[in-house]
C-alpha atoms as a PDB file:
ATOM      1  CA  UNK A   1      14.877 -13.098  12.085  1.00  0.00           C
ATOM      2  CA  UNK A   2      15.039 -13.680   8.633  1.00  0.00           C
ATOM      3  CA  UNK A   3      15.604 -11.491   5.513  1.00  0.00           C
ATOM      4  CA  UNK A   4      14.063 -12.743   2.304  1.00  0.00           C
ATOM      5  CA  UNK A   5      14.887 -11.030  -1.327  1.00  0.00           C
ATOM      6  CA  UNK A   6      12.653 -10.924  -4.040  1.00  0.00           C
ATOM      7  CA  UNK A   7      12.434 -10.451  -8.146  1.00  0.00           C
ATOM      8  CA  UNK A   8      15.779  -8.549  -9.145  1.00  0.00           C
ATOM      9  CA  UNK A   9      17.108  -8.606  -5.925  1.00  0.00           C
ATOM     10  CA  UNK A  10      18.158 -12.256  -6.319  1.00  0.00           C
ATOM     11  CA  UNK A  11      20.843 -10.824  -8.904  1.00  0.00           C
ATOM     12  CA  UNK A  12      22.570  -8.875  -6.292  1.00  0.00           C
ATOM     13  CA  UNK A  13      22.804 -11.961  -3.828  1.00  0.00           C
ATOM     14  CA  UNK A  14      23.661 -14.708  -6.236  1.00  0.00           C
ATOM     15  CA  UNK A  15      20.705 -16.121  -6.137  1.00  0.00           C
ATOM     16  CA  UNK A  16      20.266 -16.632  -2.258  1.00  0.00           C
ATOM     17  CA  UNK A  17      16.620 -16.473  -1.639  1.00  0.00           C
ATOM     18  CA  UNK A  18      17.051 -15.611   2.137  1.00  0.00           C
ATOM     19  CA  UNK A  19      19.256 -14.815   4.886  1.00  0.00           C
ATOM     20  CA  UNK A  20      19.629 -15.119   8.669  1.00  0.00           C
ATOM     21  CA  UNK A  21      21.615 -11.939  10.177  1.00  0.00           C
ATOM     22  CA  UNK A  22      23.783 -12.662  13.123  1.00  0.00           C
ATOM     23  CA  UNK A  23      22.854  -9.246  14.985  1.00  0.00           C
ATOM     24  CA  UNK A  24      21.243  -6.491  13.441  1.00  0.00           C
ATOM     25  CA  UNK A  25      19.423  -4.230  16.005  1.00  0.00           C
ATOM     26  CA  UNK A  26      17.715  -2.004  13.355  1.00  0.00           C
ATOM     27  CA  UNK A  27      17.486  -1.906   9.455  1.00  0.00           C
ATOM     28  CA  UNK A  28      20.696   0.452   8.786  1.00  0.00           C
ATOM     29  CA  UNK A  29      23.078  -1.963  10.555  1.00  0.00           C
ATOM     30  CA  UNK A  30      21.192  -4.857   9.028  1.00  0.00           C
ATOM     31  CA  UNK A  31      22.122  -2.937   5.335  1.00  0.00           C
ATOM     32  CA  UNK A  32      25.661  -2.899   6.826  1.00  0.00           C
ATOM     33  CA  UNK A  33      25.718  -6.532   7.452  1.00  0.00           C
ATOM     34  CA  UNK A  34      24.312  -7.496   3.924  1.00  0.00           C
ATOM     35  CA  UNK A  35      26.949  -5.303   2.553  1.00  0.00           C
ATOM     36  CA  UNK A  36      29.501  -7.288   4.087  1.00  0.00           C
ATOM     37  CA  UNK A  37      27.413 -10.449   3.106  1.00  0.00           C
ATOM     38  CA  UNK A  38      26.624  -9.702  -0.482  1.00  0.00           C
ATOM     39  CA  UNK A  39      29.587  -7.050  -1.248  1.00  0.00           C
ATOM     40  CA  UNK A  40      29.590  -3.038  -0.928  1.00  0.00           C
ATOM     41  CA  UNK A  41      27.608  -2.155  -4.143  1.00  0.00           C
ATOM     42  CA  UNK A  42      24.598  -4.463  -2.823  1.00  0.00           C
ATOM     43  CA  UNK A  43      24.419  -1.985   0.352  1.00  0.00           C
ATOM     44  CA  UNK A  44      25.034   0.824  -1.703  1.00  0.00           C
ATOM     45  CA  UNK A  45      22.040  -0.213  -3.675  1.00  0.00           C
ATOM     46  CA  UNK A  46      19.876  -1.192  -0.754  1.00  0.00           C
ATOM     47  CA  UNK A  47      19.985   2.798   0.619  1.00  0.00           C
ATOM     48  CA  UNK A  48      19.241   4.437  -2.408  1.00  0.00           C
ATOM     49  CA  UNK A  49      15.641   5.395  -2.250  1.00  0.00           C
ATOM     50  CA  UNK A  50      14.489   4.430  -5.441  1.00  0.00           C
ATOM     51  CA  UNK A  51      16.162   0.965  -5.481  1.00  0.00           C
ATOM     52  CA  UNK A  52      14.029  -1.350  -3.042  1.00  0.00           C
ATOM     53  CA  UNK A  53      11.296  -1.536  -0.112  1.00  0.00           C
ATOM     54  CA  UNK A  54      11.827  -2.959   3.059  1.00  0.00           C
ATOM     55  CA  UNK A  55       8.954  -4.699   4.911  1.00  0.00           C
ATOM     56  CA  UNK A  56       9.338  -5.711   8.592  1.00  0.00           C
ATOM     57  CA  UNK A  57       6.475  -8.198   9.337  1.00  0.00           C
ATOM     58  CA  UNK A  58       4.802  -6.656   6.298  1.00  0.00           C
ATOM     59  CA  UNK A  59       4.844  -3.017   7.320  1.00  0.00           C
ATOM     60  CA  UNK A  60       7.239  -0.832   5.196  1.00  0.00           C
ATOM     61  CA  UNK A  61       9.839   1.235   6.972  1.00  0.00           C
ATOM     62  CA  UNK A  62       8.366   4.431   5.191  1.00  0.00           C
ATOM     63  CA  UNK A  63       5.502   3.824   7.878  1.00  0.00           C
ATOM     64  CA  UNK A  64       7.834   3.085  10.846  1.00  0.00           C
ATOM     65  CA  UNK A  65      10.994   4.362  11.643  1.00  0.00           C
ATOM     66  CA  UNK A  66      12.767   4.361   8.623  1.00  0.00           C
ATOM     67  CA  UNK A  67      16.597   3.023   8.779  1.00  0.00           C
ATOM     68  CA  UNK A  68      16.178   3.361  12.549  1.00  0.00           C
ATOM     69  CA  UNK A  69      13.538   0.738  12.627  1.00  0.00           C
ATOM     70  CA  UNK A  70      14.588  -1.344  15.125  1.00  0.00           C
ATOM     71  CA  UNK A  71      14.553  -5.522  14.754  1.00  0.00           C
ATOM     72  CA  UNK A  72      13.912  -8.166  16.963  1.00  0.00           C
ATOM     73  CA  UNK A  73      14.099 -12.503  16.770  1.00  0.00           C
ATOM     74  CA  UNK A  74      11.712 -13.656  15.361  1.00  0.00           C
ATOM     75  CA  UNK A  75      10.953 -10.586  12.711  1.00  0.00           C
ATOM     76  CA  UNK A  76      10.384 -11.192   9.060  1.00  0.00           C
ATOM     77  CA  UNK A  77      12.153  -8.725   6.504  1.00  0.00           C
ATOM     78  CA  UNK A  78      11.360  -9.003   2.970  1.00  0.00           C
ATOM     79  CA  UNK A  79      13.483  -6.833   0.327  1.00  0.00           C
ATOM     80  CA  UNK A  80      11.279  -6.332  -2.643  1.00  0.00           C
ATOM     81  CA  UNK A  81      12.683  -3.880  -5.767  1.00  0.00           C
ATOM     82  CA  UNK A  82      10.954  -1.080  -5.923  1.00  0.00           C
ATOM     83  CA  UNK A  83       8.635  -0.827  -9.059  1.00  0.00           C
ATOM     84  CA  UNK A  84       7.568   2.435 -10.931  1.00  0.00           C
ATOM     85  CA  UNK A  85       4.657   2.680 -12.542  1.00  0.00           C
ATOM     86  CA  UNK A  86       3.646   5.404 -15.195  1.00  0.00           C
END
């Protein structure tokens, strides 16, 4: 499993574009792991509804099981900044 960060997410990761989680069985626990890796503020930012979009294998977690979406070895997780159109 690999997590890729894009756009303004890189400001929170110190420029790190990819991260390989150790053992995150779902998105919520992945966010906790990312908080341990990159700081509690990043964790809070990730769970804010309007800050970013999570894609698991190209599908938004909003169309899956939300934060309970299960993760498996080999999954590709993308974290993109939420872009508001006006």
